Amino acid sequence: MNRILAFTFSFMLLGISQIVFAQNAANENENASVLHQNGQIYLVVLVLLTIFAGIIFYLIRLEKKLNKLEKKEN
């Protein structure tokens, strides 16, 4: 029973994702050109890089703390 539900759920998600991608394909070129015209594409890239750098920094800090705890435990 669980396999049937899982298969049905995954099939539904696959179908929904296809609809969403089909709708976004038409607007993709228009959105990109508007961002390039206004110069806002650089702001979007800056925000994404900031978020990515924050995640990397957090993971490195977490790894150092875990290493300290492991050394302390041993």
C-alpha atoms as a PDB file:
ATOM      1  CA  MET A   1       0.000   0.000   0.000  1.00  0.00           C
ATOM      2  CA  ASN A   2       2.804   2.413   0.873  1.00  0.00           C
ATOM      3  CA  ARG A   3       4.552   1.745  -2.418  1.00  0.00           C
ATOM      4  CA  ILE A   4       1.389   2.549  -4.346  1.00  0.00           C
ATOM      5  CA  LEU A   5       0.944   5.815  -2.456  1.00  0.00           C
ATOM      6  CA  ALA A   6       4.596   6.745  -2.956  1.00  0.00           C
ATOM      7  CA  PHE A   7       4.396   5.990  -6.681  1.00  0.00           C
ATOM      8  CA  THR A   8       1.185   7.990  -7.053  1.00  0.00           C
ATOM      9  CA  PHE A   9       2.603  10.935  -5.125  1.00  0.00           C
ATOM     10  CA  SER A  10       5.840  10.992  -7.142  1.00  0.00           C
ATOM     11  CA  PHE A  11       3.883  10.739 -10.406  1.00  0.00           C
ATOM     12  CA  MET A  12       1.714  13.691  -9.369  1.00  0.00           C
ATOM     13  CA  LEU A  13       4.779  15.780  -8.473  1.00  0.00           C
ATOM     14  CA  LEU A  14       6.376  14.947 -11.791  1.00  0.00           C
ATOM     15  CA  GLY A  15       3.261  16.046 -13.647  1.00  0.00           C
ATOM     16  CA  ILE A  16       2.986  19.295 -11.717  1.00  0.00           C
ATOM     17  CA  SER A  17       6.643  20.125 -12.290  1.00  0.00           C
ATOM     18  CA  GLN A  18       6.230  19.684 -16.046  1.00  0.00           C
ATOM     19  CA  ILE A  19       3.337  22.157 -16.066  1.00  0.00           C
ATOM     20  CA  VAL A  20       5.294  24.705 -14.053  1.00  0.00           C
ATOM     21  CA  PHE A  21       8.372  24.458 -16.276  1.00  0.00           C
ATOM     22  CA  ALA A  22       6.265  24.852 -19.392  1.00  0.00           C
ATOM     23  CA  GLN A  23       4.716  28.055 -18.049  1.00  0.00           C
ATOM     24  CA  ASN A  24       8.045  29.524 -16.951  1.00  0.00           C
ATOM     25  CA  ALA A  25       9.792  28.888 -20.267  1.00  0.00           C
ATOM     26  CA  ALA A  26       7.804  31.603 -22.025  1.00  0.00           C
ATOM     27  CA  ASN A  27       8.597  34.288 -19.429  1.00  0.00           C
ATOM     28  CA  GLU A  28      12.257  33.385 -18.943  1.00  0.00           C
ATOM     29  CA  ASN A  29      13.669  35.467 -21.791  1.00  0.00           C
ATOM     30  CA  GLU A  30      11.506  38.450 -20.920  1.00  0.00           C
ATOM     31  CA  ASN A  31      12.538  38.417 -17.257  1.00  0.00           C
ATOM     32  CA  ALA A  32      16.218  38.105 -18.094  1.00  0.00           C
ATOM     33  CA  SER A  33      16.147  41.032 -20.511  1.00  0.00           C
ATOM     34  CA  VAL A  34      14.379  43.260 -17.965  1.00  0.00           C
ATOM     35  CA  LEU A  35      17.012  42.459 -15.335  1.00  0.00           C
ATOM     36  CA  HIS A  36      19.836  43.186 -17.799  1.00  0.00           C
ATOM     37  CA  GLN A  37      18.280  46.491 -18.850  1.00  0.00           C
ATOM     38  CA  ASN A  38      17.909  47.753 -15.303  1.00  0.00           C
ATOM     39  CA  GLY A  39      21.271  46.398 -14.149  1.00  0.00           C
ATOM     40  CA  GLN A  40      19.530  44.413 -11.427  1.00  0.00           C
ATOM     41  CA  ILE A  41      21.093  41.146 -12.568  1.00  0.00           C
ATOM     42  CA  TYR A  42      24.227  42.129 -10.655  1.00  0.00           C
ATOM     43  CA  LEU A  43      22.189  42.600  -7.497  1.00  0.00           C
ATOM     44  CA  VAL A  44      20.660  39.151  -7.905  1.00  0.00           C
ATOM     45  CA  VAL A  45      24.099  37.605  -8.414  1.00  0.00           C
ATOM     46  CA  LEU A  46      25.440  39.471  -5.376  1.00  0.00           C
ATOM     47  CA  VAL A  47      22.605  38.247  -3.157  1.00  0.00           C
ATOM     48  CA  LEU A  48      23.065  34.654  -4.333  1.00  0.00           C
ATOM     49  CA  LEU A  49      26.812  34.803  -3.731  1.00  0.00           C
ATOM     50  CA  THR A  50      26.249  36.252  -0.261  1.00  0.00           C
ATOM     51  CA  ILE A  51      23.835  33.478   0.654  1.00  0.00           C
ATOM     52  CA  PHE A  52      26.182  30.828  -0.726  1.00  0.00           C
ATOM     53  CA  ALA A  53      29.166  32.291   1.161  1.00  0.00           C
ATOM     54  CA  GLY A  54      27.119  32.363   4.371  1.00  0.00           C
ATOM     55  CA  ILE A  55      26.190  28.711   4.007  1.00  0.00           C
ATOM     56  CA  ILE A  56      29.809  27.738   3.317  1.00  0.00           C
ATOM     57  CA  PHE A  57      31.008  29.768   6.324  1.00  0.00           C
ATOM     58  CA  TYR A  58      28.413  28.124   8.561  1.00  0.00           C
ATOM     59  CA  LEU A  59      29.368  24.630   7.415  1.00  0.00           C
ATOM     60  CA  ILE A  60      33.082  25.263   7.965  1.00  0.00           C
ATOM     61  CA  ARG A  61      32.432  26.630  11.445  1.00  0.00           C
ATOM     62  CA  LEU A  62      30.193  23.683  12.276  1.00  0.00           C
ATOM     63  CA  GLU A  63      32.852  21.242  11.066  1.00  0.00           C
ATOM     64  CA  LYS A  64      35.476  22.870  13.301  1.00  0.00           C
ATOM     65  CA  LYS A  65      33.184  22.630  16.321  1.00  0.00           C
ATOM     66  CA  LEU A  66      32.464  18.989  15.591  1.00  0.00           C
ATOM     67  CA  ASN A  67      36.175  18.234  15.280  1.00  0.00           C
ATOM     68  CA  LYS A  68      36.806  19.874  18.653  1.00  0.00           C
ATOM     69  CA  LEU A  69      34.061  17.802  20.257  1.00  0.00           C
ATOM     70  CA  GLU A  70      35.407  14.609  18.712  1.00  0.00           C
ATOM     71  CA  LYS A  71      38.936  15.336  19.937  1.00  0.00           C
ATOM     72  CA  LYS A  72      37.625  16.185  23.405  1.00  0.00           C
ATOM     73  CA  GLU A  73      35.636  12.960  23.545  1.00  0.00           C
ATOM     74  CA  ASN A  74      38.627  10.806  22.545  1.00  0.00           C
END
